[in-house]
Amino acid sequence: MKGIQFLVDDMGEKKAVLIDLKTHGEVWEDIYDSILARKRADEPRESMETVRKRLTRRGRLGKSA
C-alpha cells in the first residue's frame, strides 16, 4: 500500500509500521484516538453533573449551562 512501510525482523515478522502522514494523516488520527481510548478505558469516570459543577465553580461555565 502506498504510504505504508513495515519494519520486519530477521524472521520476516512485522514489528512496526511507518505511515506517511501526508497520505494517511486522517487514518493515523483515528488509530491514535483508538489507542488513547483503550488506554483510558479503566480510568475512573466522573458524572457530567460533577464536571459541570467544577467548571462552574472555576468560572469556566455559566450558571445557566
PDB file of N, CA and C in Angstrom:
ATOM      1  N   MET A   1       0.861  -1.170   0.000  1.00  0.00           N
ATOM      2  CA  MET A   1       0.000   0.000   0.000  1.00  0.00           C
ATOM      3  C   MET A   1       0.908   1.234   0.000  1.00  0.00           C
ATOM      4  N   LYS A   2       0.602   2.177  -0.844  1.00  0.00           N
ATOM      5  CA  LYS A   2       1.406   3.388  -0.929  1.00  0.00           C
ATOM      6  C   LYS A   2       1.305   4.186   0.368  1.00  0.00           C
ATOM      7  N   GLY A   3       2.469   4.629   0.859  1.00  0.00           N
ATOM      8  CA  GLY A   3       2.498   5.422   2.074  1.00  0.00           C
ATOM      9  C   GLY A   3       2.572   4.606   3.352  1.00  0.00           C
ATOM     10  N   ILE A   4       2.670   3.284   3.226  1.00  0.00           N
ATOM     11  CA  ILE A   4       2.771   2.397   4.384  1.00  0.00           C
ATOM     12  C   ILE A   4       3.995   1.502   4.189  1.00  0.00           C
ATOM     13  N   GLN A   5       4.862   1.476   5.198  1.00  0.00           N
ATOM     14  CA  GLN A   5       6.027   0.587   5.167  1.00  0.00           C
ATOM     15  C   GLN A   5       6.084  -0.173   6.477  1.00  0.00           C
ATOM     16  N   PHE A   6       6.459  -1.441   6.399  1.00  0.00           N
ATOM     17  CA  PHE A   6       6.567  -2.267   7.590  1.00  0.00           C
ATOM     18  C   PHE A   6       8.026  -2.535   7.913  1.00  0.00           C
ATOM     19  N   LEU A   7       8.351  -2.534   9.189  1.00  0.00           N
ATOM     20  CA  LEU A   7       9.654  -2.948   9.673  1.00  0.00           C
ATOM     21  C   LEU A   7       9.500  -4.403  10.086  1.00  0.00           C
ATOM     22  N   VAL A   8      10.332  -5.263   9.533  1.00  0.00           N
ATOM     23  CA  VAL A   8      10.243  -6.691   9.836  1.00  0.00           C
ATOM     24  C   VAL A   8      11.530  -7.166  10.500  1.00  0.00           C
ATOM     25  N   ASP A   9      11.389  -8.210  11.315  1.00  0.00           N
ATOM     26  CA  ASP A   9      12.561  -8.782  11.968  1.00  0.00           C
ATOM     27  C   ASP A   9      13.247  -9.782  11.035  1.00  0.00           C
ATOM     28  N   ASP A  10      14.257 -10.477  11.545  1.00  0.00           N
ATOM     29  CA  ASP A  10      15.014 -11.436  10.734  1.00  0.00           C
ATOM     30  C   ASP A  10      14.163 -12.603  10.242  1.00  0.00           C
ATOM     31  N   MET A  11      13.053 -12.838  10.917  1.00  0.00           N
ATOM     32  CA  MET A  11      12.159 -13.939  10.534  1.00  0.00           C
ATOM     33  C   MET A  11      11.057 -13.474   9.583  1.00  0.00           C
ATOM     34  N   GLY A  12      11.071 -12.177   9.232  1.00  0.00           N
ATOM     35  CA  GLY A  12      10.056 -11.646   8.341  1.00  0.00           C
ATOM     36  C   GLY A  12       8.765 -11.251   9.038  1.00  0.00           C
ATOM     37  N   GLU A  13       8.771 -11.256  10.371  1.00  0.00           N
ATOM     38  CA  GLU A  13       7.591 -10.877  11.139  1.00  0.00           C
ATOM     39  C   GLU A  13       7.498  -9.354  11.240  1.00  0.00           C
ATOM     40  N   LYS A  14       6.320  -8.807  10.992  1.00  0.00           N
ATOM     41  CA  LYS A  14       6.115  -7.364  11.086  1.00  0.00           C
ATOM     42  C   LYS A  14       6.234  -6.931  12.542  1.00  0.00           C
ATOM     43  N   LYS A  15       7.037  -5.902  12.789  1.00  0.00           N
ATOM     44  CA  LYS A  15       7.266  -5.418  14.144  1.00  0.00           C
ATOM     45  C   LYS A  15       6.848  -3.970  14.327  1.00  0.00           C
ATOM     46  N   ALA A  16       6.816  -3.199  13.254  1.00  0.00           N
ATOM     47  CA  ALA A  16       6.460  -1.783  13.331  1.00  0.00           C
ATOM     48  C   ALA A  16       5.969  -1.340  11.962  1.00  0.00           C
ATOM     49  N   VAL A  17       5.352  -0.160  11.960  1.00  0.00           N
ATOM     50  CA  VAL A  17       4.845   0.380  10.704  1.00  0.00           C
ATOM     51  C   VAL A  17       5.223   1.850  10.602  1.00  0.00           C
ATOM     52  N   LEU A  18       5.545   2.275   9.411  1.00  0.00           N
ATOM     53  CA  LEU A  18       5.834   3.672   9.116  1.00  0.00           C
ATOM     54  C   LEU A  18       4.697   4.169   8.234  1.00  0.00           C
ATOM     55  N   ILE A  19       4.015   5.208   8.684  1.00  0.00           N
ATOM     56  CA  ILE A  19       2.856   5.735   7.964  1.00  0.00           C
ATOM     57  C   ILE A  19       3.184   7.125   7.451  1.00  0.00           C
ATOM     58  N   ASP A  20       3.009   7.342   6.157  1.00  0.00           N
ATOM     59  CA  ASP A  20       3.196   8.662   5.566  1.00  0.00           C
ATOM     60  C   ASP A  20       1.994   9.513   5.967  1.00  0.00           C
ATOM     61  N   LEU A  21       2.242  10.498   6.820  1.00  0.00           N
ATOM     62  CA  LEU A  21       1.132  11.294   7.348  1.00  0.00           C
ATOM     63  C   LEU A  21       0.523  12.220   6.309  1.00  0.00           C
ATOM     64  N   LYS A  22       1.256  12.567   5.284  1.00  0.00           N
ATOM     65  CA  LYS A  22       0.662  13.370   4.213  1.00  0.00           C
ATOM     66  C   LYS A  22      -0.386  12.554   3.467  1.00  0.00           C
ATOM     67  N   THR A  23      -0.133  11.268   3.343  1.00  0.00           N
ATOM     68  CA  THR A  23      -1.058  10.387   2.635  1.00  0.00           C
ATOM     69  C   THR A  23      -2.157   9.857   3.538  1.00  0.00           C
ATOM     70  N   HIS A  24      -1.793   9.503   4.767  1.00  0.00           N
ATOM     71  CA  HIS A  24      -2.723   8.801   5.661  1.00  0.00           C
ATOM     72  C   HIS A  24      -2.895   9.507   7.004  1.00  0.00           C
ATOM     73  N   GLY A  25      -2.790  10.816   7.044  1.00  0.00           N
ATOM     74  CA  GLY A  25      -2.889  11.566   8.297  1.00  0.00           C
ATOM     75  C   GLY A  25      -4.203  11.366   9.027  1.00  0.00           C
ATOM     76  N   GLU A  26      -5.309  11.347   8.304  1.00  0.00           N
ATOM     77  CA  GLU A  26      -6.616  11.170   8.944  1.00  0.00           C
ATOM     78  C   GLU A  26      -6.750   9.782   9.555  1.00  0.00           C
ATOM     79  N   VAL A  27      -6.224   8.784   8.874  1.00  0.00           N
ATOM     80  CA  VAL A  27      -6.278   7.421   9.399  1.00  0.00           C
ATOM     81  C   VAL A  27      -5.446   7.331  10.675  1.00  0.00           C
ATOM     82  N   TRP A  28      -4.275   7.992  10.683  1.00  0.00           N
ATOM     83  CA  TRP A  28      -3.438   7.982  11.882  1.00  0.00           C
ATOM     84  C   TRP A  28      -4.183   8.588  13.064  1.00  0.00           C
ATOM     85  N   GLU A  29      -4.894   9.687  12.837  1.00  0.00           N
ATOM     86  CA  GLU A  29      -5.658  10.309  13.924  1.00  0.00           C
ATOM     87  C   GLU A  29      -6.664   9.321  14.503  1.00  0.00           C
ATOM     88  N   ASP A  30      -7.327   8.575  13.648  1.00  0.00           N
ATOM     89  CA  ASP A  30      -8.294   7.571  14.115  1.00  0.00           C
ATOM     90  C   ASP A  30      -7.601   6.480  14.926  1.00  0.00           C
ATOM     91  N   ILE A  31      -6.455   6.015  14.440  1.00  0.00           N
ATOM     92  CA  ILE A  31      -5.697   4.975  15.149  1.00  0.00           C
ATOM     93  C   ILE A  31      -5.269   5.498  16.515  1.00  0.00           C
ATOM     94  N   TYR A  32      -4.714   6.694  16.538  1.00  0.00           N
ATOM     95  CA  TYR A  32      -4.227   7.289  17.779  1.00  0.00           C
ATOM     96  C   TYR A  32      -5.365   7.478  18.785  1.00  0.00           C
ATOM     97  N   ASP A  33      -6.502   7.989  18.321  1.00  0.00           N
ATOM     98  CA  ASP A  33      -7.670   8.159  19.198  1.00  0.00           C
ATOM     99  C   ASP A  33      -8.116   6.823  19.781  1.00  0.00           C
ATOM    100  N   SER A  34      -8.089   5.781  18.966  1.00  0.00           N
ATOM    101  CA  SER A  34      -8.489   4.453  19.424  1.00  0.00           C
ATOM    102  C   SER A  34      -7.535   3.933  20.495  1.00  0.00           C
ATOM    103  N   ILE A  35      -6.240   4.143  20.302  1.00  0.00           N
ATOM    104  CA  ILE A  35      -5.253   3.715  21.288  1.00  0.00           C
ATOM    105  C   ILE A  35      -5.470   4.448  22.612  1.00  0.00           C
ATOM    106  N   LEU A  36      -5.691   5.768  22.544  1.00  0.00           N
ATOM    107  CA  LEU A  36      -5.935   6.540  23.764  1.00  0.00           C
ATOM    108  C   LEU A  36      -7.188   6.068  24.490  1.00  0.00           C
ATOM    109  N   ALA A  37      -8.245   5.805  23.736  1.00  0.00           N
ATOM    110  CA  ALA A  37      -9.498   5.356  24.345  1.00  0.00           C
ATOM    111  C   ALA A  37      -9.304   4.028  25.066  1.00  0.00           C
ATOM    112  N   ARG A  38      -8.572   3.098  24.460  1.00  0.00           N
ATOM    113  CA  ARG A  38      -8.324   1.806  25.106  1.00  0.00           C
ATOM    114  C   ARG A  38      -7.472   1.978  26.359  1.00  0.00           C
ATOM    115  N   LYS A  39      -6.476   2.859  26.265  1.00  0.00           N
ATOM    116  CA  LYS A  39      -5.594   3.087  27.407  1.00  0.00           C
ATOM    117  C   LYS A  39      -6.372   3.661  28.590  1.00  0.00           C
ATOM    118  N   ARG A  40      -7.361   4.488  28.302  1.00  0.00           N
ATOM    119  CA  ARG A  40      -8.124   5.162  29.347  1.00  0.00           C
ATOM    120  C   ARG A  40      -9.397   4.425  29.750  1.00  0.00           C
ATOM    121  N   ALA A  41      -9.654   3.283  29.179  1.00  0.00           N
ATOM    122  CA  ALA A  41     -10.919   2.576  29.404  1.00  0.00           C
ATOM    123  C   ALA A  41     -11.154   2.236  30.865  1.00  0.00           C
ATOM    124  N   ASP A  42     -10.108   1.961  31.613  1.00  0.00           N
ATOM    125  CA  ASP A  42     -10.271   1.562  33.010  1.00  0.00           C
ATOM    126  C   ASP A  42     -10.092   2.711  33.992  1.00  0.00           C
ATOM    127  N   GLU A  43      -9.908   3.925  33.489  1.00  0.00           N
ATOM    128  CA  GLU A  43      -9.769   5.074  34.376  1.00  0.00           C
ATOM    129  C   GLU A  43     -11.109   5.394  35.025  1.00  0.00           C
ATOM    130  N   PRO A  44     -11.061   5.942  36.237  1.00  0.00           N
ATOM    131  CA  PRO A  44     -12.316   6.325  36.887  1.00  0.00           C
ATOM    132  C   PRO A  44     -13.055   7.392  36.078  1.00  0.00           C
ATOM    133  N   ARG A  45     -14.361   7.347  36.131  1.00  0.00           N
ATOM    134  CA  ARG A  45     -15.177   8.289  35.376  1.00  0.00           C
ATOM    135  C   ARG A  45     -15.827   9.288  36.327  1.00  0.00           C
ATOM    136  N   GLU A  46     -16.134  10.468  35.788  1.00  0.00           N
ATOM    137  CA  GLU A  46     -16.877  11.485  36.519  1.00  0.00           C
ATOM    138  C   GLU A  46     -18.214  11.691  35.831  1.00  0.00           C
ATOM    139  N   SER A  47     -19.217  11.981  36.623  1.00  0.00           N
ATOM    140  CA  SER A  47     -20.514  12.256  36.023  1.00  0.00           C
ATOM    141  C   SER A  47     -20.482  13.639  35.368  1.00  0.00           C
ATOM    142  N   MET A  48     -21.362  13.854  34.428  1.00  0.00           N
ATOM    143  CA  MET A  48     -21.451  15.153  33.763  1.00  0.00           C
ATOM    144  C   MET A  48     -21.799  16.244  34.772  1.00  0.00           C
ATOM    145  N   GLU A  49     -22.633  15.902  35.741  1.00  0.00           N
ATOM    146  CA  GLU A  49     -23.014  16.882  36.758  1.00  0.00           C
ATOM    147  C   GLU A  49     -21.797  17.318  37.592  1.00  0.00           C
ATOM    148  N   THR A  50     -20.941  16.387  37.961  1.00  0.00           N
ATOM    149  CA  THR A  50     -19.727  16.713  38.719  1.00  0.00           C
ATOM    150  C   THR A  50     -18.819  17.633  37.915  1.00  0.00           C
ATOM    151  N   VAL A  51     -18.634  17.323  36.657  1.00  0.00           N
ATOM    152  CA  VAL A  51     -17.795  18.150  35.786  1.00  0.00           C
ATOM    153  C   VAL A  51     -18.410  19.535  35.630  1.00  0.00           C
ATOM    154  N   ARG A  52     -19.718  19.588  35.418  1.00  0.00           N
ATOM    155  CA  ARG A  52     -20.413  20.867  35.252  1.00  0.00           C
ATOM    156  C   ARG A  52     -20.248  21.745  36.493  1.00  0.00           C
ATOM    157  N   LYS A  53     -20.401  21.145  37.688  1.00  0.00           N
ATOM    158  CA  LYS A  53     -20.251  21.912  38.929  1.00  0.00           C
ATOM    159  C   LYS A  53     -18.820  22.438  39.082  1.00  0.00           C
ATOM    160  N   ARG A  54     -17.837  21.601  38.778  1.00  0.00           N
ATOM    161  CA  ARG A  54     -16.446  22.025  38.902  1.00  0.00           C
ATOM    162  C   ARG A  54     -16.136  23.170  37.941  1.00  0.00           C
ATOM    163  N   LEU A  55     -16.593  23.075  36.708  1.00  0.00           N
ATOM    164  CA  LEU A  55     -16.342  24.128  35.723  1.00  0.00           C
ATOM    165  C   LEU A  55     -17.052  25.425  36.106  1.00  0.00           C
ATOM    166  N   THR A  56     -18.256  25.305  36.649  1.00  0.00           N
ATOM    167  CA  THR A  56     -18.997  26.489  37.096  1.00  0.00           C
ATOM    168  C   THR A  56     -18.266  27.161  38.241  1.00  0.00           C
ATOM    169  N   ARG A  57     -17.795  26.381  39.211  1.00  0.00           N
ATOM    170  CA  ARG A  57     -17.016  26.923  40.346  1.00  0.00           C
ATOM    171  C   ARG A  57     -15.779  27.680  39.865  1.00  0.00           C
ATOM    172  N   ARG A  58     -15.144  27.149  38.843  1.00  0.00           N
ATOM    173  CA  ARG A  58     -13.911  27.756  38.334  1.00  0.00           C
ATOM    174  C   ARG A  58     -14.173  28.926  37.376  1.00  0.00           C
ATOM    175  N   GLY A  59     -15.470  29.208  37.139  1.00  0.00           N
ATOM    176  CA  GLY A  59     -15.811  30.303  36.235  1.00  0.00           C
ATOM    177  C   GLY A  59     -15.634  29.976  34.771  1.00  0.00           C
ATOM    178  N   ARG A  60     -15.565  28.723  34.450  1.00  0.00           N
ATOM    179  CA  ARG A  60     -15.366  28.287  33.057  1.00  0.00           C
ATOM    180  C   ARG A  60     -16.688  27.943  32.361  1.00  0.00           C
ATOM    181  N   LEU A  61     -17.755  27.948  33.150  1.00  0.00           N
ATOM    182  CA  LEU A  61     -19.053  27.595  32.614  1.00  0.00           C
ATOM    183  C   LEU A  61     -20.103  28.467  33.300  1.00  0.00           C
ATOM    184  N   GLY A  62     -21.008  29.036  32.511  1.00  0.00           N
ATOM    185  CA  GLY A  62     -22.050  29.881  33.079  1.00  0.00           C
ATOM    186  C   GLY A  62     -23.015  29.080  33.929  1.00  0.00           C
ATOM    187  N   LYS A  63     -23.692  29.742  34.819  1.00  0.00           N
ATOM    188  CA  LYS A  63     -24.624  29.069  35.734  1.00  0.00           C
ATOM    189  C   LYS A  63     -25.831  28.473  35.005  1.00  0.00           C
ATOM    190  N   SER A  64     -26.174  28.994  33.821  1.00  0.00           N
ATOM    191  CA  SER A  64     -27.359  28.509  33.111  1.00  0.00           C
ATOM    192  C   SER A  64     -27.095  27.246  32.311  1.00  0.00           C
ATOM    193  N   ALA A  65     -25.833  26.826  32.195  1.00  0.00           N
ATOM    194  CA  ALA A  65     -25.488  25.651  31.371  1.00  0.00           C
ATOM    195  C   ALA A  65     -25.876  24.359  32.031  1.00  0.00           C
TER     196      ALA A  65
END
